[in-house]
Amino acid sequence: MNKLFTLGHNDLRVFLKNRSAYIWLFVVPMAFVYFMGFAARGPGDPANHRPTVAIENLDTNFLGRIFLEELGAQGLAVANPTNAQSATQALRIPADFTALVLQGQPAKINFSQRRGSAEADGALIELRLLRTLVAINSHLLEVIGTQGSPAKLDEAALRARMRVPDPVSLKAYFAGRQPVPSGFNFSLPGNLVMYLMMNLLIFGGNLLAAERRNGVLKRLACHPLSRLQIVLGKIYGLMLLGIIQIAFFLTVGVLGLHVNLGANLPAVALTLLVYAWVAGSLGVLIGSLVTAEDRITGLCVLASLLMAALGGCWWPLEIGPKIGQNIALCLPSGWAMLALHQLISFGSGLEAVLLPLAVLLGFGAVFNCLAIRFFRS
């Protein structure tokens, strides 16, 4: 066992002596995490969608302003003039809105659905518009009931009434379907899975090829080391390198990007540790099968990018076709992303990822056996 650890520690020392490797271990992956996190942002909380509405407020009096504030409180994102074209729906508040209310007459809000907008967004906006109207009318009735006439209504009295806590509160939220992962909750695990696989494949394959060319593997064969010990020692060294990258990612994710791991941090670490073992085993297998040293890097990059794209590291599998989700289940990256989303995005516990962990252990066992079978000095 000590010989296995010695091999792994020596390989880690060799890895860390290559200063250019730090760029691919830390700098490039975190740059992708940051930019993809912004690109994959949802409109607010993915479990509480806030559709954007373009509002034309022709009323310059106080009720028009209060109506806009209540719209935001009810969960509508109001588009400003610079991005009004991106809004899915449009509202128009008439110029005489406040005047009609003060005269005790009905005032109409014009609501229009833009061409090409989603029907679900339109229905959600109508619901929240209705809630806004109910809230405004309730406050108006309370103030008028105290003052006795709508004509005496003013902004100070209405705002004072709105600040009074309601005796009954309603907590509304979306139930059932899990939200599509977005933001840094998506980009952090996606890029970690991709670059962990890429780096361990490249470093593992290139190290074996270089040691075969330099005769290091033949010298190891002269020592009392079995093929099993050499292969496991190489995989152990790659796992140590993976642990360093995992620790860096999780530290930056929690402290810098505010990814909420909560009580699931041990389960996330366990999933990534198993995945690092799978990636390290595959890296040693590639180094054992491919003798041409100049082809290893290209093959490893191509393999890791394909597994990242098909495994859900670049976009959520939930938004893709069913066949894409089935293909992801044939790859270790797909099972790793499934487990990490369960833990990070959906807040599930360790029991929810037992099947992905079992499948990843199966991938690792197969890659281990094949690496031992085809290893040669």
Protein backbone atom coordinates (compact mmCIF):
# COMPACT_ATOMS: atom_id res chain seq x y z
CA MET A 1 0.00 0.00 0.00
CA ASN A 2 2.88 2.37 0.77
CA LYS A 3 4.27 1.80 -2.72
CA LEU A 4 0.93 2.78 -4.24
CA PHE A 5 0.83 6.01 -2.19
CA THR A 6 4.46 6.79 -3.09
CA LEU A 7 3.66 6.49 -6.81
CA GLY A 8 0.62 8.75 -6.49
CA HIS A 9 2.40 11.41 -4.43
CA ASN A 10 5.32 11.48 -6.85
CA ASP A 11 2.97 11.90 -9.82
CA LEU A 12 1.20 14.78 -8.06
CA ARG A 13 4.57 16.45 -7.47
CA VAL A 14 5.34 16.12 -11.18
CA PHE A 15 1.95 17.57 -12.10
CA LEU A 16 2.35 20.59 -9.83
CA LYS A 17 5.87 21.35 -11.11
CA ASN A 18 4.31 22.23 -14.47
CA ARG A 19 3.34 25.87 -13.83
CA SER A 20 1.39 26.19 -17.08
CA ALA A 21 -0.97 23.48 -15.82
CA TYR A 22 -2.33 25.92 -13.21
CA ILE A 23 -3.98 27.90 -16.00
CA TRP A 24 -6.07 24.90 -17.04
CA LEU A 25 -6.64 23.73 -13.51
CA PHE A 26 -7.88 27.02 -12.07
CA VAL A 27 -7.89 30.12 -14.30
CA VAL A 28 -9.65 28.94 -17.48
CA PRO A 29 -12.30 26.83 -15.70
CA MET A 30 -13.25 29.64 -13.31
CA ALA A 31 -13.46 32.12 -16.20
CA PHE A 32 -15.96 29.80 -17.89
CA VAL A 33 -17.88 29.38 -14.63
CA TYR A 34 -18.20 33.14 -14.28
CA PHE A 35 -19.28 33.96 -17.83
CA MET A 36 -21.53 30.92 -18.26
CA GLY A 37 -23.14 31.72 -14.92
CA PHE A 38 -24.30 35.06 -16.30
CA ALA A 39 -25.26 33.59 -19.67
CA ALA A 40 -27.37 30.87 -18.03
CA ARG A 41 -29.13 33.16 -15.59
CA GLY A 42 -32.87 32.80 -15.39
CA PRO A 43 -35.15 35.79 -14.88
CA GLY A 44 -34.85 35.80 -11.10
CA ASP A 45 -35.70 32.73 -9.09
CA PRO A 46 -36.22 29.84 -11.57
CA ALA A 47 -38.92 28.46 -9.27
CA ASN A 48 -40.75 31.82 -9.25
CA HIS A 49 -40.77 33.20 -12.77
CA ARG A 50 -41.09 36.99 -13.11
CA PRO A 51 -42.17 37.82 -16.68
CA THR A 52 -41.20 41.24 -17.98
CA VAL A 53 -43.91 43.79 -18.80
CA ALA A 54 -43.55 47.01 -20.76
CA ILE A 55 -45.66 49.69 -19.05
CA GLU A 56 -46.74 52.99 -20.56
CA ASN A 57 -47.78 55.17 -17.62
CA LEU A 58 -49.66 58.20 -18.92
CA ASP A 59 -50.86 59.16 -15.45
CA THR A 60 -48.58 61.70 -13.75
CA ASN A 61 -50.50 61.60 -10.46
CA PHE A 62 -49.81 59.49 -7.36
CA LEU A 63 -52.07 56.51 -8.10
CA GLY A 64 -50.13 55.71 -11.28
CA ARG A 65 -46.88 55.54 -9.30
CA ILE A 66 -48.40 53.44 -6.53
CA PHE A 67 -49.89 51.06 -9.09
CA LEU A 68 -46.44 50.48 -10.61
CA GLU A 69 -44.94 49.80 -7.19
CA GLU A 70 -47.66 47.27 -6.40
CA LEU A 71 -47.03 45.50 -9.72
CA GLY A 72 -43.43 44.92 -8.68
CA ALA A 73 -44.51 43.74 -5.23
CA GLN A 74 -46.80 41.16 -6.86
CA GLY A 75 -43.97 39.64 -8.89
CA LEU A 76 -43.89 41.47 -12.24
CA ALA A 77 -40.62 42.77 -13.67
CA VAL A 78 -41.22 46.22 -15.19
CA ALA A 79 -39.14 46.87 -18.32
CA ASN A 80 -37.41 50.21 -18.62
CA PRO A 81 -37.42 52.12 -21.93
CA THR A 82 -34.07 50.62 -23.01
CA ASN A 83 -35.29 47.01 -22.98
CA ALA A 84 -39.02 47.50 -23.53
CA GLN A 85 -38.88 45.51 -26.78
CA SER A 86 -37.87 42.37 -24.87
CA ALA A 87 -41.03 42.46 -22.75
CA THR A 88 -43.59 39.74 -23.40
CA GLN A 89 -46.66 41.85 -22.60
CA ALA A 90 -47.62 45.52 -22.41
CA LEU A 91 -49.77 47.59 -20.02
CA ARG A 92 -51.06 51.12 -20.47
CA ILE A 93 -52.20 53.24 -17.57
CA PRO A 94 -54.54 56.03 -18.85
CA ALA A 95 -53.77 59.68 -18.20
CA ASP A 96 -56.95 60.14 -16.16
CA PHE A 97 -56.40 57.06 -13.98
CA THR A 98 -56.04 58.95 -10.68
CA ALA A 99 -58.73 61.49 -11.58
CA LEU A 100 -61.33 58.79 -12.33
CA VAL A 101 -60.61 56.97 -9.07
CA LEU A 102 -60.91 60.17 -7.04
CA GLN A 103 -64.27 60.85 -8.73
CA GLY A 104 -65.48 57.37 -7.81
CA GLN A 105 -65.66 56.24 -11.42
CA PRO A 106 -64.21 53.01 -12.91
CA ALA A 107 -60.73 53.30 -14.47
CA LYS A 108 -59.52 50.79 -17.05
CA ILE A 109 -55.98 49.41 -17.44
CA ASN A 110 -55.23 48.40 -21.03
CA PHE A 111 -53.48 45.02 -21.26
CA SER A 112 -52.13 43.67 -24.55
CA GLN A 113 -50.19 40.52 -25.45
CA ARG A 114 -47.34 40.96 -27.89
CA ARG A 115 -47.01 38.75 -30.93
CA GLY A 116 -44.82 35.71 -30.37
CA SER A 117 -44.96 35.90 -26.57
CA ALA A 118 -45.49 32.73 -24.55
CA GLU A 119 -49.05 31.93 -23.50
CA ALA A 120 -47.82 30.87 -20.06
CA ASP A 121 -46.25 34.30 -19.51
CA GLY A 122 -49.50 35.99 -20.57
CA ALA A 123 -51.54 33.92 -18.13
CA LEU A 124 -49.06 34.58 -15.32
CA ILE A 125 -49.12 38.33 -16.00
CA GLU A 126 -52.93 38.39 -16.00
CA LEU A 127 -52.97 36.59 -12.66
CA ARG A 128 -50.51 39.01 -11.06
CA LEU A 129 -52.26 41.99 -12.60
CA LEU A 130 -55.48 40.76 -10.99
CA ARG A 131 -53.71 40.42 -7.64
CA THR A 132 -52.38 43.97 -8.02
CA LEU A 133 -55.85 45.35 -8.74
CA VAL A 134 -57.30 43.50 -5.75
CA ALA A 135 -54.55 44.85 -3.47
CA ILE A 136 -54.97 48.45 -4.70
CA ASN A 137 -58.76 48.34 -4.43
CA SER A 138 -58.54 46.86 -0.94
CA HIS A 139 -56.31 49.70 0.25
CA LEU A 140 -58.56 52.27 -1.41
CA LEU A 141 -61.67 50.85 0.27
CA GLU A 142 -59.97 50.90 3.66
CA VAL A 143 -58.94 54.54 3.31
CA ILE A 144 -62.25 55.69 1.84
CA GLY A 145 -64.13 53.83 4.58
CA THR A 146 -62.21 55.89 7.12
CA GLN A 147 -62.40 59.27 5.33
CA GLY A 148 -65.90 58.86 3.91
CA SER A 149 -65.28 60.17 0.37
CA PRO A 150 -62.93 59.31 -2.52
CA ALA A 151 -62.37 63.00 -3.13
CA LYS A 152 -60.48 63.27 0.18
CA LEU A 153 -58.06 60.56 -0.80
CA ASP A 154 -54.42 61.65 -1.00
CA GLU A 155 -51.05 59.91 -1.42
CA ALA A 156 -49.97 60.25 2.23
CA ALA A 157 -53.14 58.59 3.56
CA LEU A 158 -52.95 55.75 1.03
CA ARG A 159 -49.28 55.03 1.70
CA ALA A 160 -49.87 55.12 5.44
CA ARG A 161 -52.60 52.50 5.01
CA MET A 162 -50.34 50.34 2.82
CA ARG A 163 -47.63 50.33 5.50
CA VAL A 164 -49.95 48.77 8.07
CA PRO A 165 -49.22 45.01 8.33
CA ASP A 166 -52.01 42.79 7.05
CA PRO A 167 -53.60 40.57 9.71
CA VAL A 168 -53.58 37.66 7.23
CA SER A 169 -50.68 36.83 4.89
CA LEU A 170 -50.64 34.60 1.83
CA LYS A 171 -47.55 32.63 0.88
CA ALA A 172 -47.72 31.61 -2.79
CA TYR A 173 -45.13 29.41 -4.50
CA PHE A 174 -44.83 26.98 -7.40
CA ALA A 175 -45.15 23.33 -6.45
CA GLY A 176 -44.44 20.07 -8.24
CA ARG A 177 -41.95 20.30 -11.10
CA GLN A 178 -38.33 21.02 -10.25
CA PRO A 179 -36.89 24.24 -11.72
CA VAL A 180 -34.42 24.20 -14.59
CA PRO A 181 -30.90 24.76 -13.14
CA SER A 182 -29.61 28.25 -13.91
CA GLY A 183 -26.92 30.77 -12.99
CA PHE A 184 -23.89 29.68 -11.00
CA ASN A 185 -25.85 26.68 -9.68
CA PHE A 186 -25.61 25.40 -13.26
CA SER A 187 -22.24 26.75 -14.45
CA LEU A 188 -20.18 25.68 -11.41
CA PRO A 189 -20.97 21.93 -11.50
CA GLY A 190 -21.08 21.92 -15.32
CA ASN A 191 -17.60 23.36 -15.75
CA LEU A 192 -16.17 21.37 -12.86
CA VAL A 193 -17.40 18.12 -14.40
CA MET A 194 -16.05 19.12 -17.83
CA TYR A 195 -12.60 20.37 -16.76
CA LEU A 196 -12.12 17.65 -14.15
CA MET A 197 -12.58 15.06 -16.88
CA MET A 198 -10.47 16.99 -19.40
CA ASN A 199 -7.52 17.63 -17.06
CA LEU A 200 -7.38 14.12 -15.63
CA LEU A 201 -7.57 12.58 -19.09
CA ILE A 202 -4.83 14.83 -20.48
CA PHE A 203 -2.49 14.61 -17.49
CA GLY A 204 -3.05 10.87 -17.04
CA GLY A 205 -2.62 10.00 -20.71
CA ASN A 206 0.37 12.27 -21.30
CA LEU A 207 2.15 11.17 -18.13
CA LEU A 208 1.96 7.50 -19.08
CA ALA A 209 3.07 8.24 -22.64
CA ALA A 210 6.02 10.37 -21.42
CA GLU A 211 7.09 7.77 -18.85
CA ARG A 212 6.86 5.03 -21.49
CA ARG A 213 9.03 7.10 -23.86
CA ASN A 214 11.59 7.93 -21.14
CA GLY A 215 11.78 4.35 -19.91
CA VAL A 216 10.35 5.17 -16.46
CA LEU A 217 7.69 2.48 -16.71
CA LYS A 218 10.30 -0.15 -17.60
CA ARG A 219 12.37 0.84 -14.57
CA LEU A 220 9.25 0.58 -12.40
CA ALA A 221 8.71 -2.92 -13.79
CA CYS A 222 12.12 -3.92 -12.42
CA HIS A 223 10.96 -3.10 -8.89
CA PRO A 224 8.75 -5.40 -6.82
CA LEU A 225 5.59 -3.72 -8.13
CA SER A 226 2.71 -5.53 -9.74
CA ARG A 227 0.76 -4.17 -12.69
CA LEU A 228 -2.18 -3.60 -10.35
CA GLN A 229 -0.09 -1.49 -7.98
CA ILE A 230 1.30 0.66 -10.80
CA VAL A 231 -2.12 1.32 -12.33
CA LEU A 232 -3.76 2.07 -8.98
CA GLY A 233 -0.85 4.32 -8.02
CA LYS A 234 -1.29 6.32 -11.24
CA ILE A 235 -5.04 6.61 -10.63
CA TYR A 236 -4.41 7.67 -7.04
CA GLY A 237 -2.10 10.47 -8.20
CA LEU A 238 -4.73 11.72 -10.65
CA MET A 239 -7.36 11.63 -7.90
CA LEU A 240 -5.14 13.81 -5.72
CA LEU A 241 -4.90 16.31 -8.56
CA GLY A 242 -8.67 16.17 -8.95
CA ILE A 243 -9.18 16.77 -5.23
CA ILE A 244 -7.12 19.96 -5.47
CA GLN A 245 -9.27 21.22 -8.34
CA ILE A 246 -12.50 20.20 -6.57
CA ALA A 247 -11.49 21.99 -3.36
CA PHE A 248 -10.64 25.15 -5.31
CA PHE A 249 -13.93 25.10 -7.23
CA LEU A 250 -16.09 24.52 -4.16
CA THR A 251 -14.28 27.18 -2.12
CA VAL A 252 -14.68 29.82 -4.82
CA GLY A 253 -18.26 28.70 -5.49
CA VAL A 254 -19.35 29.01 -1.87
CA LEU A 255 -17.38 32.09 -0.82
CA GLY A 256 -17.15 34.01 -4.10
CA LEU A 257 -20.18 33.01 -6.17
CA HIS A 258 -22.52 32.22 -3.25
CA VAL A 259 -23.56 28.81 -4.55
CA ASN A 260 -25.71 27.34 -1.80
CA LEU A 261 -24.40 23.89 -0.94
CA GLY A 262 -25.78 23.96 2.60
CA ALA A 263 -25.89 20.61 4.37
CA ASN A 264 -25.24 18.81 1.06
CA LEU A 265 -21.53 19.71 0.92
CA PRO A 266 -20.39 16.20 2.06
CA ALA A 267 -22.63 14.55 -0.57
CA VAL A 268 -21.35 16.93 -3.27
CA ALA A 269 -17.74 16.20 -2.27
CA LEU A 270 -18.42 12.44 -2.32
CA THR A 271 -19.99 12.63 -5.80
CA LEU A 272 -17.05 14.61 -7.17
CA LEU A 273 -14.54 12.28 -5.52
CA VAL A 274 -16.14 9.25 -7.18
CA TYR A 275 -16.25 11.13 -10.49
CA ALA A 276 -12.55 12.03 -10.15
CA TRP A 277 -11.81 8.31 -9.70
CA VAL A 278 -13.77 7.55 -12.88
CA ALA A 279 -11.96 10.29 -14.85
CA GLY A 280 -8.54 9.23 -13.51
CA SER A 281 -9.22 5.60 -14.43
CA LEU A 282 -10.21 6.62 -17.95
CA GLY A 283 -7.08 8.77 -18.26
CA VAL A 284 -4.84 5.81 -17.36
CA LEU A 285 -6.79 3.62 -19.79
CA ILE A 286 -6.22 6.11 -22.64
CA GLY A 287 -2.54 6.31 -21.75
CA SER A 288 -2.35 2.52 -21.86
CA LEU A 289 -4.13 2.15 -25.20
CA VAL A 290 -2.66 5.08 -27.17
CA THR A 291 1.05 4.85 -27.81
CA ALA A 292 1.38 7.95 -30.03
CA GLU A 293 2.14 10.71 -27.53
CA ASP A 294 1.24 13.52 -29.94
CA ARG A 295 -2.31 12.18 -30.35
CA ILE A 296 -3.23 11.85 -26.70
CA THR A 297 -4.01 15.52 -25.99
CA GLY A 298 -6.26 15.89 -29.02
CA LEU A 299 -8.08 12.65 -28.25
CA CYS A 300 -8.57 13.61 -24.59
CA VAL A 301 -9.86 17.09 -25.42
CA LEU A 302 -12.26 15.70 -28.02
CA ALA A 303 -13.54 12.98 -25.67
CA SER A 304 -14.04 15.35 -22.73
CA LEU A 305 -15.81 17.98 -24.85
CA LEU A 306 -18.17 15.38 -26.32
CA MET A 307 -18.98 14.01 -22.88
CA ALA A 308 -19.50 17.56 -21.59
CA ALA A 309 -21.84 18.54 -24.43
CA LEU A 310 -23.85 15.31 -24.36
CA GLY A 311 -23.79 15.02 -20.57
CA GLY A 312 -25.46 18.35 -19.84
CA CYS A 313 -22.45 20.48 -18.87
CA TRP A 314 -23.14 23.18 -21.47
CA TRP A 315 -26.92 23.47 -21.19
CA PRO A 316 -29.55 21.94 -18.91
CA LEU A 317 -30.75 18.59 -20.20
CA GLU A 318 -34.26 19.54 -19.10
CA ILE A 319 -34.60 21.93 -22.04
CA GLY A 320 -33.32 19.41 -24.62
CA PRO A 321 -35.06 16.55 -26.44
CA LYS A 322 -35.75 13.24 -24.73
CA ILE A 323 -33.13 11.46 -26.86
CA GLY A 324 -30.48 13.85 -25.54
CA GLN A 325 -31.43 13.00 -21.95
CA ASN A 326 -31.17 9.29 -22.76
CA ILE A 327 -27.73 9.73 -24.35
CA ALA A 328 -26.53 11.55 -21.22
CA LEU A 329 -27.36 8.46 -19.16
CA CYS A 330 -24.80 6.52 -21.19
CA LEU A 331 -21.96 8.79 -20.07
CA PRO A 332 -20.30 9.34 -16.67
CA SER A 333 -20.62 13.11 -17.14
CA GLY A 334 -24.40 12.79 -17.48
CA TRP A 335 -24.74 10.84 -14.22
CA ALA A 336 -22.40 13.25 -12.43
CA MET A 337 -24.47 16.25 -13.56
CA LEU A 338 -27.68 14.47 -12.56
CA ALA A 339 -26.33 13.91 -9.05
CA LEU A 340 -24.92 17.43 -8.66
CA HIS A 341 -28.15 19.10 -9.81
CA GLN A 342 -30.11 16.99 -7.34
CA LEU A 343 -27.83 18.18 -4.54
CA ILE A 344 -27.18 21.81 -5.55
CA SER A 345 -30.16 23.02 -7.59
CA PHE A 346 -32.94 20.89 -6.12
CA GLY A 347 -31.70 20.60 -2.52
CA SER A 348 -32.12 16.82 -2.32
CA GLY A 349 -30.18 14.68 0.13
CA LEU A 350 -27.70 11.87 -0.30
CA GLU A 351 -30.48 9.31 -0.74
CA ALA A 352 -31.49 11.00 -4.04
CA VAL A 353 -28.06 10.38 -5.62
CA LEU A 354 -27.45 6.78 -4.58
CA LEU A 355 -28.31 5.51 -8.08
CA PRO A 356 -26.00 8.01 -9.89
CA LEU A 357 -23.21 7.14 -7.46
CA ALA A 358 -23.72 3.42 -8.09
CA VAL A 359 -23.59 3.96 -11.86
CA LEU A 360 -20.42 6.07 -11.55
CA LEU A 361 -18.83 3.35 -9.43
CA GLY A 362 -19.71 0.91 -12.21
CA PHE A 363 -18.03 3.14 -14.83
CA GLY A 364 -14.94 3.41 -12.63
CA ALA A 365 -14.73 -0.34 -12.04
CA VAL A 366 -14.93 -1.03 -15.79
CA PHE A 367 -12.27 1.58 -16.62
CA ASN A 368 -10.05 0.21 -13.83
CA CYS A 369 -10.25 -3.34 -15.11
CA LEU A 370 -9.58 -2.28 -18.71
CA ALA A 371 -6.63 -0.09 -17.65
CA ILE A 372 -5.08 -3.02 -15.75
CA ARG A 373 -5.74 -5.35 -18.68
CA PHE A 374 -4.16 -3.15 -21.35
CA PHE A 375 -1.40 -1.48 -19.31
CA ARG A 376 2.06 -1.99 -20.73
CA SER A 377 5.43 -0.49 -20.06
